Protein backbone atom coordinates (compact mmCIF):
# COMPACT_ATOMS: atom_id res chain seq x y z
CA MET A 1 -55.27 13.61 13.55
CA SER A 2 -55.21 14.50 9.87
CA ASN A 3 -52.74 12.74 7.86
CA LYS A 4 -49.88 14.36 6.67
CA ILE A 5 -49.07 16.06 3.43
CA ALA A 6 -46.35 15.48 1.00
CA VAL A 7 -45.59 18.01 -2.22
CA ILE A 8 -44.02 15.50 -4.72
CA THR A 9 -42.54 17.66 -8.13
CA GLY A 10 -41.95 15.06 -10.72
CA GLY A 11 -44.23 12.97 -9.22
CA ASN A 12 -46.29 10.99 -12.07
CA ARG A 13 -42.93 8.71 -13.12
CA GLY A 14 -39.82 7.30 -12.12
CA LEU A 15 -38.83 7.51 -8.64
CA GLY A 16 -41.39 10.76 -7.84
CA GLU A 17 -44.60 8.24 -8.77
CA ASN A 18 -42.80 5.40 -6.19
CA ALA A 19 -42.08 7.75 -3.29
CA ALA A 20 -45.49 8.77 -3.27
CA LEU A 21 -47.04 5.62 -3.25
CA LYS A 22 -44.52 4.51 -0.23
CA LEU A 23 -45.41 7.59 1.24
CA ALA A 24 -49.02 7.09 0.93
CA LYS A 25 -48.47 3.94 2.30
CA LYS A 26 -47.37 5.25 5.10
CA GLY A 27 -50.82 7.15 5.55
CA VAL A 28 -49.60 10.50 3.90
CA ASP A 29 -51.41 12.12 1.27
CA ILE A 30 -50.17 13.60 -1.74
CA ILE A 31 -49.94 16.90 -3.91
CA LEU A 32 -48.20 15.62 -7.22
CA THR A 33 -46.96 17.79 -9.88
CA TRP A 34 -46.56 17.44 -13.56
CA ARG A 35 -44.86 18.71 -16.72
CA ASN A 36 -46.26 16.49 -19.57
CA GLY A 37 -48.46 13.53 -19.04
CA GLU A 38 -51.36 14.28 -17.07
CA GLU A 39 -52.89 11.24 -17.84
CA GLN A 40 -50.12 9.33 -16.25
CA ALA A 41 -50.42 11.83 -12.86
CA GLN A 42 -54.34 10.97 -13.07
CA THR A 43 -53.19 7.02 -12.71
CA VAL A 44 -51.10 7.65 -10.00
CA VAL A 45 -53.46 9.53 -7.88
CA GLU A 46 -55.77 6.57 -9.08
CA ARG A 47 -53.14 4.28 -7.42
CA ILE A 48 -52.72 6.40 -4.39
CA GLU A 49 -56.13 6.42 -3.38
CA ALA A 50 -56.87 2.94 -3.72
CA LEU A 51 -54.02 2.94 -1.00
CA GLY A 52 -56.75 4.91 1.05
CA ALA A 53 -54.55 8.26 0.90
CA ARG A 54 -55.79 11.25 -0.63
CA ALA A 55 -54.10 12.67 -3.72
CA VAL A 56 -54.41 15.78 -6.41
CA ALA A 57 -51.84 16.33 -9.33
CA LEU A 58 -51.28 19.62 -10.59
CA GLN A 59 -48.91 21.06 -13.53
CA LEU A 60 -45.61 22.46 -12.94
CA ASP A 61 -42.51 22.73 -14.79
CA VAL A 62 -40.12 23.49 -12.34
CA ALA A 63 -37.60 25.09 -15.06
CA ASP A 64 -40.13 28.05 -14.73
CA SER A 65 -39.85 30.16 -11.79
CA GLY A 66 -42.09 32.90 -12.97
CA SER A 67 -44.24 30.60 -12.35
CA PHE A 68 -44.54 29.47 -8.57
CA ALA A 69 -46.79 32.13 -7.36
CA ASP A 70 -49.47 31.10 -9.16
CA PHE A 71 -48.49 27.45 -8.55
CA ALA A 72 -48.45 28.35 -4.41
CA ARG A 73 -51.93 29.75 -4.72
CA ASN A 74 -53.21 26.66 -6.49
CA VAL A 75 -51.66 24.52 -3.82
CA GLN A 76 -53.17 26.77 -1.06
CA LYS A 77 -56.47 26.68 -3.00
CA GLN A 78 -56.58 22.63 -2.86
CA LEU A 79 -55.18 22.50 0.73
CA LYS A 80 -58.56 24.36 1.71
CA ASN A 81 -60.57 22.79 -0.68
CA VAL A 82 -59.29 18.98 -0.70
CA TRP A 83 -58.06 18.86 3.34
CA GLN A 84 -59.48 22.10 5.08
CA ARG A 85 -55.92 23.38 5.87
CA ASP A 86 -53.35 25.61 5.06
CA SER A 87 -50.34 24.04 5.28
CA PHE A 88 -49.07 20.95 3.63
CA ASP A 89 -45.92 19.13 5.91
CA TYR A 90 -42.98 17.71 3.34
CA LEU A 91 -41.52 18.64 0.73
CA LEU A 92 -39.52 16.38 -2.40
CA ASN A 93 -38.14 18.23 -4.51
CA ASN A 94 -37.60 15.82 -7.17
CA ALA A 95 -38.09 16.65 -10.92
CA GLY A 96 -35.31 16.33 -12.86
CA THR A 97 -34.15 15.45 -16.10
CA SER A 98 -30.92 14.15 -17.88
CA LEU A 99 -28.07 15.32 -19.66
CA HIS A 100 -25.04 13.77 -21.23
CA ALA A 101 -22.28 15.97 -22.45
CA SER A 102 -18.59 16.28 -22.14
CA PHE A 103 -17.50 19.43 -20.59
CA VAL A 104 -15.90 20.63 -24.24
CA GLU A 105 -19.68 20.03 -25.87
CA THR A 106 -22.01 21.25 -23.30
CA THR A 107 -23.70 24.17 -25.01
CA GLU A 108 -25.06 27.30 -23.14
CA ALA A 109 -28.61 26.59 -23.36
CA GLN A 110 -27.78 22.90 -22.39
CA PHE A 111 -25.93 24.68 -19.22
CA ASP A 112 -28.97 26.81 -18.53
CA GLU A 113 -31.71 24.01 -18.46
CA VAL A 114 -29.54 21.89 -16.53
CA VAL A 115 -29.40 25.15 -13.83
CA ASN A 116 -33.07 25.78 -14.07
CA VAL A 117 -34.06 22.33 -13.84
CA HIS A 118 -32.36 21.03 -10.75
CA PHE A 119 -30.81 24.36 -8.99
CA LYS A 120 -33.36 27.14 -9.51
CA GLY A 121 -36.12 25.83 -9.59
CA PRO A 122 -35.65 24.37 -6.51
CA PHE A 123 -34.44 27.20 -4.78
CA PHE A 124 -36.94 29.38 -5.72
CA LEU A 125 -40.15 26.90 -5.33
CA THR A 126 -38.51 26.03 -2.04
CA GLN A 127 -38.68 29.92 -1.14
CA THR A 128 -41.89 30.26 -2.48
CA LEU A 129 -43.39 27.21 -0.96
CA LEU A 130 -41.97 28.06 2.87
CA PRO A 131 -44.84 30.07 3.30
CA LEU A 132 -47.62 27.44 3.26
CA MET A 133 -45.36 24.58 4.83
CA ALA A 134 -45.81 23.65 8.40
CA ASP A 135 -43.21 24.27 11.07
CA GLY A 136 -41.69 21.06 12.11
CA GLY A 137 -42.30 19.55 8.32
CA SER A 138 -39.62 18.61 6.19
CA ILE A 139 -37.68 19.08 3.26
CA LEU A 140 -35.98 16.34 0.78
CA ASN A 141 -33.78 17.67 -1.82
CA ILE A 142 -32.46 15.26 -4.69
CA SER A 143 -29.04 14.68 -5.48
CA SER A 144 -26.74 12.07 -7.40
CA GLY A 145 -24.26 9.58 -6.68
CA LEU A 146 -22.40 11.68 -9.37
CA ALA A 147 -21.71 14.68 -7.24
CA ARG A 148 -19.17 12.07 -5.07
CA PHE A 149 -17.90 10.54 -8.05
CA SER A 150 -16.90 11.04 -11.64
CA LEU A 151 -18.33 9.87 -15.00
CA PRO A 152 -17.22 11.50 -17.83
CA GLY A 153 -20.60 13.60 -19.45
CA SER A 154 -22.20 14.17 -16.27
CA GLY A 155 -20.04 17.43 -15.53
CA ALA A 156 -23.02 20.01 -15.86
CA TYR A 157 -25.47 17.88 -14.51
CA ALA A 158 -22.84 16.47 -11.01
CA ALA A 159 -22.03 20.06 -10.73
CA VAL A 160 -25.56 21.29 -10.36
CA LYS A 161 -26.53 18.51 -8.07
CA GLY A 162 -23.14 19.14 -5.77
CA ALA A 163 -24.69 23.10 -5.48
CA MET A 164 -27.94 21.72 -4.01
CA GLU A 165 -26.32 19.53 -1.67
CA VAL A 166 -24.18 23.29 -0.29
CA LEU A 167 -27.57 24.83 -0.45
CA THR A 168 -29.45 21.77 1.61
CA ARG A 169 -26.73 22.77 4.51
CA TYR A 170 -27.73 26.50 4.24
CA GLN A 171 -31.41 25.46 4.44
CA ALA A 172 -31.44 23.32 7.15
CA LYS A 173 -29.40 26.15 9.31
CA GLU A 174 -31.82 28.75 8.63
CA LEU A 175 -35.07 27.09 8.66
CA GLY A 176 -33.98 25.16 11.89
CA GLU A 177 -35.86 28.05 14.00
CA ARG A 178 -39.00 27.03 12.21
CA ARG A 179 -37.92 23.17 12.93
CA ILE A 180 -38.12 22.13 9.38
CA THR A 181 -35.47 19.71 8.95
CA VAL A 182 -33.59 19.75 5.21
CA ASN A 183 -31.76 17.03 3.86
CA ILE A 184 -30.62 15.59 0.83
CA LEU A 185 -30.81 12.16 -0.51
CA ALA A 186 -28.23 10.82 -4.01
CA PRO A 187 -29.62 8.04 -5.41
CA GLY A 188 -27.22 6.01 -7.62
CA ALA A 189 -28.10 4.36 -10.51
CA ILE A 190 -31.52 3.32 -11.06
CA ALA A 191 -32.93 1.03 -13.47
CA THR A 192 -35.79 3.45 -14.87
CA ASP A 193 -36.62 5.48 -17.76
CA PHE A 194 -34.76 8.09 -16.49
CA SER A 195 -31.94 8.74 -19.41
CA GLY A 196 -34.20 7.08 -21.78
CA GLY A 197 -33.83 4.15 -19.75
CA MET A 198 -30.45 3.76 -19.61
CA VAL A 199 -29.27 1.52 -16.16
CA ARG A 200 -32.89 -0.60 -16.92
CA ASP A 201 -32.45 -1.10 -20.68
CA ASN A 202 -28.64 -1.28 -21.45
CA PRO A 203 -26.73 -5.07 -20.50
CA GLU A 204 -23.40 -3.50 -20.50
CA VAL A 205 -24.74 -0.52 -18.70
CA ASN A 206 -26.38 -2.53 -16.19
CA ALA A 207 -23.70 -5.24 -15.87
CA PHE A 208 -21.04 -2.56 -15.07
CA VAL A 209 -22.99 -0.52 -12.62
CA ALA A 210 -23.76 -3.98 -10.59
CA SER A 211 -20.13 -4.57 -11.07
CA GLN A 212 -19.02 -1.52 -9.15
CA THR A 213 -21.67 -1.98 -6.71
CA ALA A 214 -20.66 -3.59 -3.12
CA LEU A 215 -24.61 -5.10 -2.97
CA GLY A 216 -23.91 -6.70 -6.32
CA ARG A 217 -26.85 -4.90 -8.41
CA VAL A 218 -28.51 -2.28 -9.70
CA GLY A 219 -30.84 -0.09 -7.92
CA LEU A 220 -34.53 -0.47 -7.98
CA PRO A 221 -37.15 2.50 -7.97
CA ASP A 222 -38.39 0.63 -4.47
CA ASP A 223 -34.62 1.45 -3.37
CA ILE A 224 -35.25 4.58 -3.71
CA GLY A 225 -38.81 5.04 -2.58
CA ASP A 226 -38.18 3.61 0.52
CA ALA A 227 -34.82 5.75 1.05
CA VAL A 228 -37.40 8.94 0.76
CA ALA A 229 -40.20 7.43 3.22
CA GLN A 230 -38.07 6.54 5.90
CA ILE A 231 -36.13 10.41 5.76
CA LEU A 232 -39.46 11.34 5.44
CA SER A 233 -41.03 10.48 8.82
CA ASP A 234 -40.80 11.55 12.62
CA GLU A 235 -38.52 8.59 13.22
CA SER A 236 -35.80 10.44 11.66
CA ARG A 237 -36.94 14.27 12.96
CA TRP A 238 -33.23 14.41 14.13
CA VAL A 239 -31.40 13.95 11.04
CA ASN A 240 -30.68 16.87 9.41
CA GLY A 241 -28.17 18.72 7.11
CA GLN A 242 -27.35 16.01 5.83
CA ARG A 243 -26.72 13.99 2.29
CA ILE A 244 -27.53 10.55 2.39
CA GLU A 245 -26.60 8.04 -0.47
CA ALA A 246 -28.67 5.54 -1.66
CA SER A 247 -26.52 3.40 -3.90
CA GLY A 248 -26.14 0.08 -2.50
CA GLY A 249 -22.77 1.22 -2.31
CA MET A 250 -21.23 2.28 -5.54
CA PHE A 251 -17.51 3.07 -6.19
CA LEU A 252 -16.44 2.67 -2.51
């Protein structure tokens, strides 16, 4: 029986990279995307192959929905050439950027970018890739703890994550006839290079997050990669249309 195949956007670094490696350890092959950092992406491919799984890295800008049809054709080509298959099993809509600006200071250009990257992109990329998804597969979207609790300066970012949470329920409802499950994972504050490494590198931010988290520390990439691998598994096949927060219990 051939390995399952996951498409992971933004799989060249951060949480996407960690998720790719955790899935590869479970025998899942990976198609990962990168916007900038081809060298980084190839290093991840090599790490995946060292774990015994197969992987390819493709360039994609999730903010550019006009490129999605070409990207889908590229995925189709890779599936045929590398795997001798015409479908993949899992889609992780992970790619993202941060935005820290108060409501009154947020510009229209910032707003458009955050909508394109975090809502319009995943909406139309998923739509475009659906013909290549296997029936019985799984889609995992990414939200944020900020969609549940409110910290000043994250309004636009949190709002589009909230939109993704609503969309996730509709996708689960409408794709159920193909037995495709759709869930959304909401990480809390994680120590990565996201937001310029703020949680990881700023001692004050790190201490504040830890003090507001029931388990007494900030999140680590492994915490999220493990959650992704668990949700994208047969053991979680009856979990559908759910928002799952992995934050160690922030602001409870």
